[in-house]
Amino acid sequence: MRTPVTTKNAPSPSAPYSQAIIQDGFVFVSGQGPIDPATGQYVKSDIRSETRRVFDNIGAILAAAGSSFDKVVKVNVYLRDIGDFAAMNEVYATIFTAPYPARTTIQAGALPRGFGVEIECVAHV
């Protein structure tokens, strides 16, 4: 059975999807962008700041699901510009510790609302 996760501490979905779904002992967090959940506005800034905002949103969703960053097993990172990889990775390294989750990072080209970064993950509950 799929159980949706909802928290006001992360942006509300802007389309027909859930912030996250819990199923079979895992939480699947939908792609999050650098949106301030209080205002619903894109916090456009440098890639480090955008990445921090994204991880704040993901952290709130993980907490609402009864999980945390130390239970993340897979991360997908989508960058508007792969040239931002090193700066994104600096912030990423402050969130996760060894053993690190499996990860894929790609240049997506165009992201919703012009985001510089969007991140999704899967974690144990």
N, C-alpha and C. Protein backbone atom coordinates (compact mmCIF):
# COMPACT_ATOMS: atom_id res chain seq x y z
N MET A 1 0.84 -1.19 0.00
CA MET A 1 0.00 0.00 0.00
C MET A 1 0.88 1.24 0.00
N ARG A 2 0.55 2.16 -0.87
CA ARG A 2 1.27 3.43 -0.96
C ARG A 2 0.69 4.42 0.04
N THR A 3 1.57 5.05 0.81
CA THR A 3 1.15 6.06 1.77
C THR A 3 1.79 7.39 1.40
N PRO A 4 1.00 8.41 1.10
CA PRO A 4 1.58 9.71 0.75
C PRO A 4 2.16 10.41 1.98
N VAL A 5 3.20 11.17 1.75
CA VAL A 5 3.83 11.99 2.79
C VAL A 5 3.54 13.44 2.45
N THR A 6 3.10 14.19 3.45
CA THR A 6 2.79 15.60 3.26
C THR A 6 3.32 16.39 4.45
N THR A 7 4.00 17.50 4.17
CA THR A 7 4.44 18.41 5.21
C THR A 7 4.37 19.83 4.70
N LYS A 8 4.01 20.75 5.57
CA LYS A 8 3.99 22.17 5.23
C LYS A 8 5.40 22.76 5.25
N ASN A 9 6.38 21.96 5.73
CA ASN A 9 7.75 22.44 5.82
C ASN A 9 8.53 22.23 4.52
N ALA A 10 7.84 21.81 3.49
CA ALA A 10 8.42 21.66 2.15
C ALA A 10 7.37 22.18 1.16
N PRO A 11 7.81 22.52 -0.04
CA PRO A 11 6.86 23.07 -1.02
C PRO A 11 5.74 22.10 -1.36
N SER A 12 4.55 22.64 -1.52
CA SER A 12 3.41 21.83 -1.97
C SER A 12 3.61 21.49 -3.44
N PRO A 13 3.20 20.30 -3.84
CA PRO A 13 3.31 19.94 -5.26
C PRO A 13 2.54 20.92 -6.15
N SER A 14 3.14 21.21 -7.29
CA SER A 14 2.51 22.14 -8.24
C SER A 14 1.87 21.40 -9.41
N ALA A 15 1.79 20.09 -9.31
CA ALA A 15 1.22 19.23 -10.35
C ALA A 15 0.68 17.98 -9.65
N PRO A 16 0.13 17.03 -10.40
CA PRO A 16 -0.44 15.83 -9.75
C PRO A 16 0.63 14.82 -9.33
N TYR A 17 1.31 15.11 -8.23
CA TYR A 17 2.27 14.18 -7.62
C TYR A 17 2.31 14.44 -6.12
N SER A 18 2.85 13.50 -5.37
CA SER A 18 2.99 13.63 -3.92
C SER A 18 4.40 14.12 -3.58
N GLN A 19 4.54 14.76 -2.43
CA GLN A 19 5.88 15.14 -1.98
C GLN A 19 6.74 13.89 -1.86
N ALA A 20 6.13 12.82 -1.37
CA ALA A 20 6.82 11.53 -1.26
C ALA A 20 5.76 10.45 -1.08
N ILE A 21 6.20 9.23 -1.31
CA ILE A 21 5.36 8.05 -1.10
C ILE A 21 6.16 7.05 -0.28
N ILE A 22 5.51 6.47 0.73
CA ILE A 22 6.12 5.38 1.49
C ILE A 22 5.52 4.08 0.99
N GLN A 23 6.40 3.14 0.67
CA GLN A 23 5.95 1.81 0.27
C GLN A 23 7.07 0.81 0.54
N ASP A 24 6.69 -0.34 1.07
CA ASP A 24 7.62 -1.46 1.29
C ASP A 24 8.86 -1.05 2.07
N GLY A 25 8.70 -0.20 3.07
CA GLY A 25 9.83 0.18 3.93
C GLY A 25 10.73 1.27 3.38
N PHE A 26 10.36 1.85 2.25
CA PHE A 26 11.14 2.93 1.65
C PHE A 26 10.27 4.17 1.48
N VAL A 27 10.92 5.32 1.48
CA VAL A 27 10.25 6.56 1.13
C VAL A 27 10.88 7.07 -0.16
N PHE A 28 10.04 7.35 -1.14
CA PHE A 28 10.44 7.84 -2.45
C PHE A 28 10.10 9.32 -2.50
N VAL A 29 11.12 10.17 -2.42
CA VAL A 29 10.92 11.62 -2.38
C VAL A 29 10.93 12.17 -3.80
N SER A 30 9.86 12.88 -4.16
CA SER A 30 9.78 13.51 -5.48
C SER A 30 10.86 14.56 -5.64
N GLY A 31 11.19 14.86 -6.89
CA GLY A 31 12.18 15.88 -7.17
C GLY A 31 11.80 17.21 -6.51
N GLN A 32 12.79 17.78 -5.82
CA GLN A 32 12.58 19.04 -5.12
C GLN A 32 13.47 20.11 -5.74
N GLY A 33 12.91 21.28 -5.88
CA GLY A 33 13.65 22.43 -6.38
C GLY A 33 13.87 23.43 -5.26
N PRO A 34 14.59 24.51 -5.56
CA PRO A 34 14.88 25.52 -4.54
C PRO A 34 13.71 26.47 -4.32
N ILE A 35 12.66 25.94 -3.72
CA ILE A 35 11.46 26.72 -3.45
C ILE A 35 11.32 26.93 -1.94
N ASP A 36 11.02 28.14 -1.55
CA ASP A 36 10.75 28.45 -0.15
C ASP A 36 9.34 27.96 0.15
N PRO A 37 9.18 27.00 1.07
CA PRO A 37 7.84 26.47 1.33
C PRO A 37 6.89 27.50 1.93
N ALA A 38 7.40 28.51 2.59
CA ALA A 38 6.54 29.53 3.19
C ALA A 38 5.89 30.42 2.14
N THR A 39 6.61 30.69 1.05
CA THR A 39 6.11 31.61 0.04
C THR A 39 5.73 30.91 -1.27
N GLY A 40 6.26 29.72 -1.49
CA GLY A 40 6.05 29.02 -2.75
C GLY A 40 6.87 29.61 -3.89
N GLN A 41 7.80 30.49 -3.55
CA GLN A 41 8.60 31.17 -4.56
C GLN A 41 9.95 30.51 -4.75
N TYR A 42 10.42 30.52 -5.99
CA TYR A 42 11.74 30.03 -6.36
C TYR A 42 12.78 30.94 -5.71
N VAL A 43 13.69 30.37 -4.95
CA VAL A 43 14.77 31.11 -4.31
C VAL A 43 15.97 31.07 -5.25
N LYS A 44 15.92 31.93 -6.27
CA LYS A 44 16.97 31.95 -7.29
C LYS A 44 18.22 32.58 -6.72
N SER A 45 19.33 31.84 -6.83
CA SER A 45 20.58 32.28 -6.25
C SER A 45 21.72 31.52 -6.92
N ASP A 46 22.87 31.49 -6.28
CA ASP A 46 23.97 30.69 -6.79
C ASP A 46 23.67 29.21 -6.52
N ILE A 47 24.36 28.32 -7.19
CA ILE A 47 24.04 26.90 -7.11
C ILE A 47 24.22 26.34 -5.70
N ARG A 48 25.16 26.85 -4.93
CA ARG A 48 25.34 26.38 -3.54
C ARG A 48 24.08 26.68 -2.72
N SER A 49 23.60 27.90 -2.81
CA SER A 49 22.40 28.29 -2.05
C SER A 49 21.17 27.53 -2.51
N GLU A 50 21.05 27.35 -3.83
CA GLU A 50 19.91 26.59 -4.34
C GLU A 50 19.98 25.14 -3.86
N THR A 51 21.16 24.55 -3.86
CA THR A 51 21.31 23.17 -3.40
C THR A 51 20.97 23.05 -1.92
N ARG A 52 21.40 24.01 -1.11
CA ARG A 52 21.06 23.99 0.32
C ARG A 52 19.54 24.06 0.51
N ARG A 53 18.88 24.93 -0.24
CA ARG A 53 17.42 25.05 -0.13
C ARG A 53 16.74 23.74 -0.50
N VAL A 54 17.22 23.10 -1.56
CA VAL A 54 16.67 21.81 -1.98
C VAL A 54 16.83 20.78 -0.87
N PHE A 55 18.02 20.72 -0.27
CA PHE A 55 18.22 19.74 0.80
C PHE A 55 17.41 20.08 2.05
N ASP A 56 17.16 21.35 2.32
CA ASP A 56 16.25 21.71 3.42
C ASP A 56 14.86 21.13 3.15
N ASN A 57 14.40 21.26 1.92
CA ASN A 57 13.08 20.73 1.55
C ASN A 57 13.05 19.21 1.66
N ILE A 58 14.07 18.55 1.15
CA ILE A 58 14.14 17.09 1.23
C ILE A 58 14.20 16.64 2.68
N GLY A 59 14.99 17.32 3.50
CA GLY A 59 15.10 16.96 4.92
C GLY A 59 13.76 17.04 5.62
N ALA A 60 12.96 18.05 5.30
CA ALA A 60 11.63 18.20 5.91
C ALA A 60 10.72 17.04 5.50
N ILE A 61 10.80 16.65 4.24
CA ILE A 61 9.97 15.54 3.76
C ILE A 61 10.42 14.22 4.39
N LEU A 62 11.72 14.00 4.44
CA LEU A 62 12.23 12.79 5.09
C LEU A 62 11.78 12.72 6.55
N ALA A 63 11.88 13.83 7.26
CA ALA A 63 11.45 13.86 8.67
C ALA A 63 9.97 13.54 8.79
N ALA A 64 9.15 14.10 7.91
CA ALA A 64 7.71 13.83 7.95
C ALA A 64 7.41 12.37 7.68
N ALA A 65 8.31 11.71 6.95
CA ALA A 65 8.13 10.29 6.63
C ALA A 65 8.72 9.38 7.72
N GLY A 66 9.37 9.97 8.72
CA GLY A 66 10.01 9.17 9.76
C GLY A 66 11.37 8.66 9.33
N SER A 67 12.01 9.38 8.42
CA SER A 67 13.32 8.98 7.92
C SER A 67 14.30 10.14 8.09
N SER A 68 15.48 10.01 7.50
CA SER A 68 16.51 11.05 7.61
C SER A 68 17.56 10.84 6.53
N PHE A 69 18.47 11.79 6.42
CA PHE A 69 19.50 11.70 5.40
C PHE A 69 20.40 10.48 5.58
N ASP A 70 20.60 10.04 6.82
CA ASP A 70 21.47 8.88 7.03
C ASP A 70 20.83 7.57 6.57
N LYS A 71 19.56 7.61 6.19
CA LYS A 71 18.86 6.42 5.68
C LYS A 71 18.68 6.46 4.16
N VAL A 72 19.21 7.49 3.51
CA VAL A 72 19.08 7.63 2.06
C VAL A 72 19.99 6.61 1.38
N VAL A 73 19.43 5.89 0.40
CA VAL A 73 20.20 4.88 -0.32
C VAL A 73 20.45 5.26 -1.78
N LYS A 74 19.68 6.17 -2.34
CA LYS A 74 19.84 6.56 -3.75
C LYS A 74 19.45 8.02 -3.92
N VAL A 75 20.26 8.75 -4.68
CA VAL A 75 20.01 10.16 -4.96
C VAL A 75 20.16 10.38 -6.47
N ASN A 76 19.25 11.15 -7.04
CA ASN A 76 19.36 11.61 -8.42
C ASN A 76 19.42 13.13 -8.39
N VAL A 77 20.47 13.67 -8.99
CA VAL A 77 20.68 15.11 -9.04
C VAL A 77 20.58 15.54 -10.50
N TYR A 78 19.76 16.56 -10.74
CA TYR A 78 19.59 17.11 -12.08
C TYR A 78 20.08 18.56 -12.05
N LEU A 79 21.06 18.86 -12.89
CA LEU A 79 21.62 20.20 -12.96
C LEU A 79 21.26 20.86 -14.29
N ARG A 80 20.96 22.14 -14.24
CA ARG A 80 20.73 22.88 -15.47
C ARG A 80 22.04 22.96 -16.26
N ASP A 81 23.17 23.08 -15.52
CA ASP A 81 24.49 23.21 -16.14
C ASP A 81 25.46 22.29 -15.41
N ILE A 82 26.01 21.31 -16.10
CA ILE A 82 26.94 20.36 -15.47
C ILE A 82 28.18 21.07 -14.95
N GLY A 83 28.43 22.28 -15.41
CA GLY A 83 29.53 23.09 -14.89
C GLY A 83 29.34 23.44 -13.42
N ASP A 84 28.12 23.29 -12.91
CA ASP A 84 27.83 23.55 -11.49
C ASP A 84 28.09 22.32 -10.61
N PHE A 85 28.58 21.24 -11.20
CA PHE A 85 28.76 19.99 -10.46
C PHE A 85 29.61 20.18 -9.20
N ALA A 86 30.78 20.79 -9.31
CA ALA A 86 31.68 20.92 -8.16
C ALA A 86 31.04 21.71 -7.02
N ALA A 87 30.36 22.81 -7.35
CA ALA A 87 29.72 23.62 -6.31
C ALA A 87 28.57 22.86 -5.66
N MET A 88 27.75 22.17 -6.46
CA MET A 88 26.68 21.35 -5.89
C MET A 88 27.27 20.28 -5.00
N ASN A 89 28.35 19.65 -5.45
CA ASN A 89 28.98 18.56 -4.72
C ASN A 89 29.54 19.01 -3.37
N GLU A 90 30.00 20.26 -3.28
CA GLU A 90 30.47 20.80 -2.00
C GLU A 90 29.36 20.77 -0.96
N VAL A 91 28.17 21.19 -1.35
CA VAL A 91 27.03 21.19 -0.43
C VAL A 91 26.59 19.75 -0.16
N TYR A 92 26.52 18.94 -1.20
CA TYR A 92 26.14 17.53 -1.07
C TYR A 92 27.01 16.84 -0.01
N ALA A 93 28.30 17.12 -0.02
CA ALA A 93 29.24 16.49 0.92
C ALA A 93 28.99 16.90 2.37
N THR A 94 28.26 17.99 2.60
CA THR A 94 27.93 18.39 3.98
C THR A 94 26.67 17.69 4.48
N ILE A 95 25.93 17.05 3.57
CA ILE A 95 24.67 16.40 3.92
C ILE A 95 24.87 14.93 4.21
N PHE A 96 25.69 14.27 3.42
CA PHE A 96 25.87 12.82 3.52
C PHE A 96 27.27 12.46 4.02
N THR A 97 27.35 11.34 4.74
CA THR A 97 28.62 10.81 5.21
C THR A 97 28.77 9.38 4.70
N ALA A 98 29.99 8.89 4.75
CA ALA A 98 30.27 7.52 4.30
C ALA A 98 29.57 6.51 5.19
N PRO A 99 29.08 5.44 4.64
CA PRO A 99 29.06 5.12 3.21
C PRO A 99 27.99 5.97 2.51
N TYR A 100 28.41 6.62 1.44
CA TYR A 100 27.53 7.54 0.71
C TYR A 100 26.45 6.77 -0.05
N PRO A 101 25.29 7.42 -0.26
CA PRO A 101 24.26 6.78 -1.08
C PRO A 101 24.74 6.64 -2.52
N ALA A 102 24.15 5.71 -3.24
CA ALA A 102 24.37 5.65 -4.68
C ALA A 102 23.83 6.96 -5.26
N ARG A 103 24.45 7.43 -6.35
CA ARG A 103 24.03 8.72 -6.91
C ARG A 103 24.21 8.76 -8.41
N THR A 104 23.31 9.44 -9.06
CA THR A 104 23.42 9.80 -10.47
C THR A 104 23.29 11.31 -10.56
N THR A 105 24.17 11.94 -11.33
CA THR A 105 24.07 13.38 -11.57
C THR A 105 24.12 13.60 -13.07
N ILE A 106 23.14 14.34 -13.57
CA ILE A 106 23.10 14.62 -15.00
C ILE A 106 22.79 16.09 -15.24
N GLN A 107 23.18 16.55 -16.43
CA GLN A 107 22.75 17.86 -16.88
C GLN A 107 21.41 17.66 -17.57
N ALA A 108 20.39 18.25 -17.00
CA ALA A 108 19.04 18.07 -17.53
C ALA A 108 18.72 19.07 -18.63
N GLY A 109 19.49 20.10 -18.71
CA GLY A 109 19.21 21.13 -19.72
C GLY A 109 18.22 22.15 -19.20
N ALA A 110 16.96 21.82 -19.23
CA ALA A 110 15.92 22.72 -18.75
C ALA A 110 15.20 22.07 -17.57
N LEU A 111 15.13 22.78 -16.47
CA LEU A 111 14.41 22.33 -15.29
C LEU A 111 13.22 23.25 -15.05
N PRO A 112 12.21 22.78 -14.31
CA PRO A 112 11.04 23.62 -14.05
C PRO A 112 11.44 24.99 -13.48
N ARG A 113 10.74 26.01 -13.93
CA ARG A 113 10.90 27.38 -13.44
C ARG A 113 12.32 27.93 -13.58
N GLY A 114 13.17 27.23 -14.35
CA GLY A 114 14.54 27.69 -14.53
C GLY A 114 15.48 27.31 -13.40
N PHE A 115 15.07 26.37 -12.55
CA PHE A 115 15.90 25.94 -11.43
C PHE A 115 17.31 25.61 -11.90
N GLY A 116 18.29 25.84 -11.02
CA GLY A 116 19.65 25.41 -11.28
C GLY A 116 19.87 23.97 -10.90
N VAL A 117 19.04 23.46 -9.98
CA VAL A 117 19.20 22.10 -9.48
C VAL A 117 17.85 21.55 -9.03
N GLU A 118 17.66 20.27 -9.25
CA GLU A 118 16.52 19.53 -8.71
C GLU A 118 17.07 18.18 -8.23
N ILE A 119 16.59 17.73 -7.07
CA ILE A 119 17.11 16.49 -6.48
C ILE A 119 15.96 15.64 -5.98
N GLU A 120 16.07 14.33 -6.21
CA GLU A 120 15.12 13.35 -5.68
C GLU A 120 15.91 12.27 -4.98
N CYS A 121 15.26 11.51 -4.08
CA CYS A 121 15.98 10.44 -3.40
C CYS A 121 15.04 9.35 -2.92
N VAL A 122 15.66 8.24 -2.53
CA VAL A 122 14.97 7.10 -1.94
C VAL A 122 15.68 6.79 -0.63
N ALA A 123 14.90 6.56 0.43
CA ALA A 123 15.47 6.27 1.74
C ALA A 123 14.68 5.17 2.43
N HIS A 124 15.33 4.51 3.39
CA HIS A 124 14.61 3.58 4.27
C HIS A 124 13.77 4.40 5.24
N VAL A 125 12.68 3.84 5.66
CA VAL A 125 11.85 4.50 6.67
C VAL A 125 12.23 3.94 8.02
